[in-house]
Amino acid sequence: MKLIFATNNRHKADELKHALPPHFSVMTLADAGIDIDIPEPHDTLQANAAEKARTIYELTGTNCFSEDTGLEVAALNNEPGVHSARYAGPGRSSDANMQLLLERLEGKDRQARFRTVICLIVNGEEHFFEGICTGRIAAEPEGGSGFGYDPVFIPDGAEHSFATMTTEEKNRFSHRRKAADMLVTFLNQSFK
């Protein structure tokens, strides 16, 4: 089965391509020759994920999926949430986002969670899958791999940030991997 993953984010694409079995062919927007930046105007991850998937499905008629992920920090009323990528402004700077987060968390509880919602559209029908990883925000960035907030997020059960982990280590905890595993289970059961 061919699926378009409605993203321009190479890191997210790589993580999800590794989660899907080889009999599912996954293309990014670039792979499919689609050069658009789909807005994320909604105030929930589910609505943003659906917006992206619907846009691509309407454009191509091809089965597709999308995801939206947010870092939710309890002490900040679940900020940055749906605004995670642009927390410090429209420039999408991971460093600026992390710096702002650390400043706002000064002296506060550091419990947090990553949450991913995947929207799959197959034959015009929508299906949603959610993955959550609980953890805490480190006092300062650590590690050089990963992307986004990975250098400051330490998942429960680990001693170090996502940015210090190999892909295999990260996948033991990953919110995106949990949602992707549910997606794979659904696809395997529905389209053998």
C-alpha atoms as a PDB file:
ATOM      1  CA  MET A   1       0.000   0.000   0.000  1.00  0.00           C
ATOM      2  CA  LYS A   2       1.217   3.475  -0.898  1.00  0.00           C
ATOM      3  CA  LEU A   3       0.781   6.211   1.712  1.00  0.00           C
ATOM      4  CA  ILE A   4       1.694   9.883   1.609  1.00  0.00           C
ATOM      5  CA  PHE A   5       2.952  11.235   4.913  1.00  0.00           C
ATOM      6  CA  ALA A   6       1.781  14.863   4.964  1.00  0.00           C
ATOM      7  CA  THR A   7       4.982  16.392   6.315  1.00  0.00           C
ATOM      8  CA  ASN A   8       8.000  18.376   5.227  1.00  0.00           C
ATOM      9  CA  ASN A   9       9.880  17.391   8.403  1.00  0.00           C
ATOM     10  CA  ARG A  10      12.607  14.888   7.490  1.00  0.00           C
ATOM     11  CA  HIS A  11      13.164  13.874  11.133  1.00  0.00           C
ATOM     12  CA  LYS A  12       9.520  12.945  11.634  1.00  0.00           C
ATOM     13  CA  ALA A  13       9.457  11.151   8.289  1.00  0.00           C
ATOM     14  CA  ASP A  14      12.495   9.067   9.202  1.00  0.00           C
ATOM     15  CA  GLU A  15      11.017   8.102  12.576  1.00  0.00           C
ATOM     16  CA  LEU A  16       7.732   6.985  11.026  1.00  0.00           C
ATOM     17  CA  LYS A  17       9.271   5.233   8.020  1.00  0.00           C
ATOM     18  CA  HIS A  18      11.260   3.054  10.442  1.00  0.00           C
ATOM     19  CA  ALA A  19       8.043   2.121  12.270  1.00  0.00           C
ATOM     20  CA  LEU A  20       6.115   0.932   9.194  1.00  0.00           C
ATOM     21  CA  PRO A  21       6.670  -2.529   7.689  1.00  0.00           C
ATOM     22  CA  PRO A  22       8.231  -2.708   4.210  1.00  0.00           C
ATOM     23  CA  HIS A  23       4.975  -3.597   2.426  1.00  0.00           C
ATOM     24  CA  PHE A  24       3.790  -0.041   3.124  1.00  0.00           C
ATOM     25  CA  SER A  25       5.445   2.465   0.813  1.00  0.00           C
ATOM     26  CA  VAL A  26       5.654   5.840   2.553  1.00  0.00           C
ATOM     27  CA  MET A  27       6.332   9.053   0.653  1.00  0.00           C
ATOM     28  CA  THR A  28       6.834  12.488   2.155  1.00  0.00           C
ATOM     29  CA  LEU A  29       5.320  15.532   0.483  1.00  0.00           C
ATOM     30  CA  ALA A  30       8.659  16.164  -1.242  1.00  0.00           C
ATOM     31  CA  ASP A  31       8.809  12.530  -2.451  1.00  0.00           C
ATOM     32  CA  ALA A  32       5.311  12.979  -3.920  1.00  0.00           C
ATOM     33  CA  GLY A  33       6.303  16.240  -5.637  1.00  0.00           C
ATOM     34  CA  ILE A  34       4.013  18.328  -3.422  1.00  0.00           C
ATOM     35  CA  ASP A  35       5.471  21.675  -2.438  1.00  0.00           C
ATOM     36  CA  ILE A  36       3.053  23.243   0.026  1.00  0.00           C
ATOM     37  CA  ASP A  37       3.219  24.300   3.640  1.00  0.00           C
ATOM     38  CA  ILE A  38      -0.065  23.243   5.227  1.00  0.00           C
ATOM     39  CA  PRO A  39      -1.230  25.598   7.991  1.00  0.00           C
ATOM     40  CA  GLU A  40      -1.890  24.344  11.515  1.00  0.00           C
ATOM     41  CA  PRO A  41      -4.546  26.865  12.597  1.00  0.00           C
ATOM     42  CA  HIS A  42      -6.406  24.796  15.191  1.00  0.00           C
ATOM     43  CA  ASP A  43      -6.130  24.635  18.967  1.00  0.00           C
ATOM     44  CA  THR A  44      -5.904  20.834  19.217  1.00  0.00           C
ATOM     45  CA  LEU A  45      -3.370  18.350  17.890  1.00  0.00           C
ATOM     46  CA  GLN A  46      -6.161  16.192  16.476  1.00  0.00           C
ATOM     47  CA  ALA A  47      -7.668  19.052  14.462  1.00  0.00           C
ATOM     48  CA  ASN A  48      -4.262  20.073  13.079  1.00  0.00           C
ATOM     49  CA  ALA A  49      -3.419  16.488  12.116  1.00  0.00           C
ATOM     50  CA  ALA A  50      -6.803  16.146  10.392  1.00  0.00           C
ATOM     51  CA  GLU A  51      -6.323  19.449   8.551  1.00  0.00           C
ATOM     52  CA  LYS A  52      -3.048  18.261   7.045  1.00  0.00           C
ATOM     53  CA  ALA A  53      -4.333  14.807   6.085  1.00  0.00           C
ATOM     54  CA  ARG A  54      -7.546  16.185   4.555  1.00  0.00           C
ATOM     55  CA  THR A  55      -5.609  18.739   2.519  1.00  0.00           C
ATOM     56  CA  ILE A  56      -3.371  16.076   0.989  1.00  0.00           C
ATOM     57  CA  TYR A  57      -6.184  13.577   0.452  1.00  0.00           C
ATOM     58  CA  GLU A  58      -8.294  16.204  -1.341  1.00  0.00           C
ATOM     59  CA  LEU A  59      -5.294  17.262  -3.418  1.00  0.00           C
ATOM     60  CA  THR A  60      -4.146  13.779  -4.441  1.00  0.00           C
ATOM     61  CA  GLY A  61      -6.908  11.243  -3.762  1.00  0.00           C
ATOM     62  CA  THR A  62      -4.138   9.058  -2.329  1.00  0.00           C
ATOM     63  CA  ASN A  63      -4.343   7.362   1.055  1.00  0.00           C
ATOM     64  CA  CYS A  64      -2.333   9.445   3.471  1.00  0.00           C
ATOM     65  CA  PHE A  65      -1.591  10.261   7.070  1.00  0.00           C
ATOM     66  CA  SER A  66      -0.306  13.188   9.044  1.00  0.00           C
ATOM     67  CA  GLU A  67       0.648  13.895  12.601  1.00  0.00           C
ATOM     68  CA  ASP A  68       0.810  16.758  15.008  1.00  0.00           C
ATOM     69  CA  THR A  69       2.925  16.648  18.121  1.00  0.00           C
ATOM     70  CA  GLY A  70       3.063  18.947  21.093  1.00  0.00           C
ATOM     71  CA  LEU A  71       5.129  19.234  24.233  1.00  0.00           C
ATOM     72  CA  GLU A  72       2.750  19.821  27.143  1.00  0.00           C
ATOM     73  CA  VAL A  73       4.203  21.192  30.376  1.00  0.00           C
ATOM     74  CA  ALA A  74       1.803  20.986  33.322  1.00  0.00           C
ATOM     75  CA  ALA A  75       3.197  24.030  35.182  1.00  0.00           C
ATOM     76  CA  LEU A  76       2.709  26.175  32.053  1.00  0.00           C
ATOM     77  CA  ASN A  77      -0.963  25.215  31.493  1.00  0.00           C
ATOM     78  CA  ASN A  78       0.173  22.624  28.924  1.00  0.00           C
ATOM     79  CA  GLU A  79       2.203  25.112  26.881  1.00  0.00           C
ATOM     80  CA  PRO A  80       3.711  25.074  24.357  1.00  0.00           C
ATOM     81  CA  GLY A  81       1.237  22.402  23.143  1.00  0.00           C
ATOM     82  CA  VAL A  82       0.024  22.995  19.583  1.00  0.00           C
ATOM     83  CA  HIS A  83       2.428  25.942  19.358  1.00  0.00           C
ATOM     84  CA  SER A  84       5.520  23.825  20.110  1.00  0.00           C
ATOM     85  CA  ALA A  85       7.244  24.421  16.757  1.00  0.00           C
ATOM     86  CA  ARG A  86       6.720  28.198  16.909  1.00  0.00           C
ATOM     87  CA  TYR A  87       6.792  28.747  20.681  1.00  0.00           C
ATOM     88  CA  ALA A  88       9.392  31.516  20.509  1.00  0.00           C
ATOM     89  CA  GLY A  89       8.041  33.009  17.282  1.00  0.00           C
ATOM     90  CA  PRO A  90       7.341  32.166  13.637  1.00  0.00           C
ATOM     91  CA  GLY A  91      10.969  31.301  12.816  1.00  0.00           C
ATOM     92  CA  ARG A  92      10.679  27.695  14.119  1.00  0.00           C
ATOM     93  CA  SER A  93      13.969  27.912  16.017  1.00  0.00           C
ATOM     94  CA  SER A  94      14.464  24.889  18.276  1.00  0.00           C
ATOM     95  CA  ASP A  95      17.152  26.706  20.263  1.00  0.00           C
ATOM     96  CA  ALA A  96      14.944  29.753  20.853  1.00  0.00           C
ATOM     97  CA  ASN A  97      11.984  27.524  21.743  1.00  0.00           C
ATOM     98  CA  MET A  98      14.027  25.605  24.319  1.00  0.00           C
ATOM     99  CA  GLN A  99      15.484  28.799  25.778  1.00  0.00           C
ATOM    100  CA  LEU A 100      12.036  30.331  26.241  1.00  0.00           C
ATOM    101  CA  LEU A 101      10.722  27.117  27.779  1.00  0.00           C
ATOM    102  CA  LEU A 102      13.608  26.952  30.270  1.00  0.00           C
ATOM    103  CA  GLU A 103      13.129  30.621  31.211  1.00  0.00           C
ATOM    104  CA  ARG A 104       9.401  30.158  31.834  1.00  0.00           C
ATOM    105  CA  LEU A 105      10.024  27.020  33.893  1.00  0.00           C
ATOM    106  CA  GLU A 106      12.475  28.705  36.271  1.00  0.00           C
ATOM    107  CA  GLY A 107      11.487  27.633  39.796  1.00  0.00           C
ATOM    108  CA  LYS A 108       8.470  25.604  38.591  1.00  0.00           C
ATOM    109  CA  ASP A 109       7.575  21.926  38.463  1.00  0.00           C
ATOM    110  CA  ARG A 110       9.198  20.308  35.414  1.00  0.00           C
ATOM    111  CA  GLN A 111       6.751  17.491  34.690  1.00  0.00           C
ATOM    112  CA  ALA A 112       5.886  17.313  31.013  1.00  0.00           C
ATOM    113  CA  ARG A 113       4.692  15.024  28.290  1.00  0.00           C
ATOM    114  CA  PHE A 114       5.003  14.707  24.557  1.00  0.00           C
ATOM    115  CA  ARG A 115       1.764  13.870  22.775  1.00  0.00           C
ATOM    116  CA  THR A 116       1.392  12.813  19.142  1.00  0.00           C
ATOM    117  CA  VAL A 117      -1.855  12.431  17.218  1.00  0.00           C
ATOM    118  CA  ILE A 118      -1.802  10.699  13.829  1.00  0.00           C
ATOM    119  CA  CYS A 119      -4.685  11.105  11.388  1.00  0.00           C
ATOM    120  CA  LEU A 120      -4.913   8.409   8.726  1.00  0.00           C
ATOM    121  CA  ILE A 121      -7.244   8.753   5.750  1.00  0.00           C
ATOM    122  CA  VAL A 122      -7.807   5.512   3.848  1.00  0.00           C
ATOM    123  CA  ASN A 123     -10.467   5.316   1.151  1.00  0.00           C
ATOM    124  CA  GLY A 124     -11.929   8.565   2.450  1.00  0.00           C
ATOM    125  CA  GLU A 125     -12.302   7.369   6.061  1.00  0.00           C
ATOM    126  CA  GLU A 126     -10.460   9.062   8.937  1.00  0.00           C
ATOM    127  CA  HIS A 127      -8.813   7.176  11.783  1.00  0.00           C
ATOM    128  CA  PHE A 128      -6.899   8.663  14.732  1.00  0.00           C
ATOM    129  CA  PHE A 129      -4.063   7.238  16.849  1.00  0.00           C
ATOM    130  CA  GLU A 130      -2.501   8.879  19.897  1.00  0.00           C
ATOM    131  CA  GLY A 131       0.816   8.279  21.627  1.00  0.00           C
ATOM    132  CA  ILE A 132       2.016   9.847  24.878  1.00  0.00           C
ATOM    133  CA  CYS A 133       5.429   9.913  26.541  1.00  0.00           C
ATOM    134  CA  THR A 134       5.606  11.335  30.053  1.00  0.00           C
ATOM    135  CA  GLY A 135       8.773  12.789  31.512  1.00  0.00           C
ATOM    136  CA  ARG A 136      10.377  15.973  32.749  1.00  0.00           C
ATOM    137  CA  ILE A 137      12.211  18.998  31.415  1.00  0.00           C
ATOM    138  CA  ALA A 138      15.954  19.053  32.140  1.00  0.00           C
ATOM    139  CA  ALA A 139      17.618  22.121  33.652  1.00  0.00           C
ATOM    140  CA  GLU A 140      19.671  22.578  30.476  1.00  0.00           C
ATOM    141  CA  PRO A 141      19.984  20.990  27.028  1.00  0.00           C
ATOM    142  CA  GLU A 142      21.875  17.711  26.791  1.00  0.00           C
ATOM    143  CA  GLY A 143      22.954  15.726  23.741  1.00  0.00           C
ATOM    144  CA  GLY A 144      23.337  16.426  20.057  1.00  0.00           C
ATOM    145  CA  SER A 145      20.976  14.061  18.277  1.00  0.00           C
ATOM    146  CA  GLY A 146      17.223  14.227  17.788  1.00  0.00           C
ATOM    147  CA  PHE A 147      15.360  17.443  17.018  1.00  0.00           C
ATOM    148  CA  GLY A 148      12.986  19.983  18.523  1.00  0.00           C
ATOM    149  CA  TYR A 149      12.833  19.747  22.313  1.00  0.00           C
ATOM    150  CA  ASP A 150      14.730  16.425  22.468  1.00  0.00           C
ATOM    151  CA  PRO A 151      17.765  17.962  24.260  1.00  0.00           C
ATOM    152  CA  VAL A 152      15.632  19.103  27.226  1.00  0.00           C
ATOM    153  CA  PHE A 153      13.147  16.221  27.511  1.00  0.00           C
ATOM    154  CA  ILE A 154      13.965  13.254  29.752  1.00  0.00           C
ATOM    155  CA  PRO A 155      11.363  10.476  29.485  1.00  0.00           C
ATOM    156  CA  ASP A 156      10.195   8.682  32.610  1.00  0.00           C
ATOM    157  CA  GLY A 157      12.405   5.647  33.149  1.00  0.00           C
ATOM    158  CA  ALA A 158      15.479   7.271  31.591  1.00  0.00           C
ATOM    159  CA  GLU A 159      18.366   9.232  33.059  1.00  0.00           C
ATOM    160  CA  HIS A 160      19.194  11.331  30.014  1.00  0.00           C
ATOM    161  CA  SER A 161      17.431  13.349  27.318  1.00  0.00           C
ATOM    162  CA  PHE A 162      16.061  12.067  24.015  1.00  0.00           C
ATOM    163  CA  ALA A 163      18.953  13.885  22.303  1.00  0.00           C
ATOM    164  CA  THR A 164      21.484  11.512  23.897  1.00  0.00           C
ATOM    165  CA  MET A 165      19.720   8.390  22.621  1.00  0.00           C
ATOM    166  CA  THR A 166      20.029   6.291  19.495  1.00  0.00           C
ATOM    167  CA  THR A 167      16.867   5.891  17.416  1.00  0.00           C
ATOM    168  CA  GLU A 168      16.357   2.435  18.915  1.00  0.00           C
ATOM    169  CA  GLU A 169      16.685   3.751  22.479  1.00  0.00           C
ATOM    170  CA  LYS A 170      14.329   6.663  21.798  1.00  0.00           C
ATOM    171  CA  ASN A 171      11.744   4.328  20.262  1.00  0.00           C
ATOM    172  CA  ARG A 172      11.412   2.478  23.594  1.00  0.00           C
ATOM    173  CA  PHE A 173       9.814   5.642  25.013  1.00  0.00           C
ATOM    174  CA  SER A 174       8.713   7.690  22.000  1.00  0.00           C
ATOM    175  CA  HIS A 175       5.225   9.188  21.780  1.00  0.00           C
ATOM    176  CA  ARG A 176       5.504   9.205  17.991  1.00  0.00           C
ATOM    177  CA  ARG A 177       6.511   5.548  17.955  1.00  0.00           C
ATOM    178  CA  LYS A 178       3.561   4.613  20.196  1.00  0.00           C
ATOM    179  CA  ALA A 179       1.126   6.339  17.839  1.00  0.00           C
ATOM    180  CA  ALA A 180       2.894   4.808  14.819  1.00  0.00           C
ATOM    181  CA  ASP A 181       2.654   1.317  16.357  1.00  0.00           C
ATOM    182  CA  MET A 182      -1.128   1.772  16.671  1.00  0.00           C
ATOM    183  CA  LEU A 183      -1.235   2.964  13.043  1.00  0.00           C
ATOM    184  CA  VAL A 184       0.741  -0.110  11.925  1.00  0.00           C
ATOM    185  CA  THR A 185      -1.496  -2.478  13.905  1.00  0.00           C
ATOM    186  CA  PHE A 186      -4.573  -0.949  12.295  1.00  0.00           C
ATOM    187  CA  LEU A 187      -3.081  -1.111   8.778  1.00  0.00           C
ATOM    188  CA  ASN A 188      -1.923  -4.717   9.251  1.00  0.00           C
ATOM    189  CA  GLN A 189      -5.352  -5.798  10.490  1.00  0.00           C
ATOM    190  CA  SER A 190      -7.243  -3.907   7.806  1.00  0.00           C
ATOM    191  CA  PHE A 191      -4.997  -4.330   4.750  1.00  0.00           C
ATOM    192  CA  LYS A 192      -3.009  -7.564   4.888  1.00  0.00           C
END
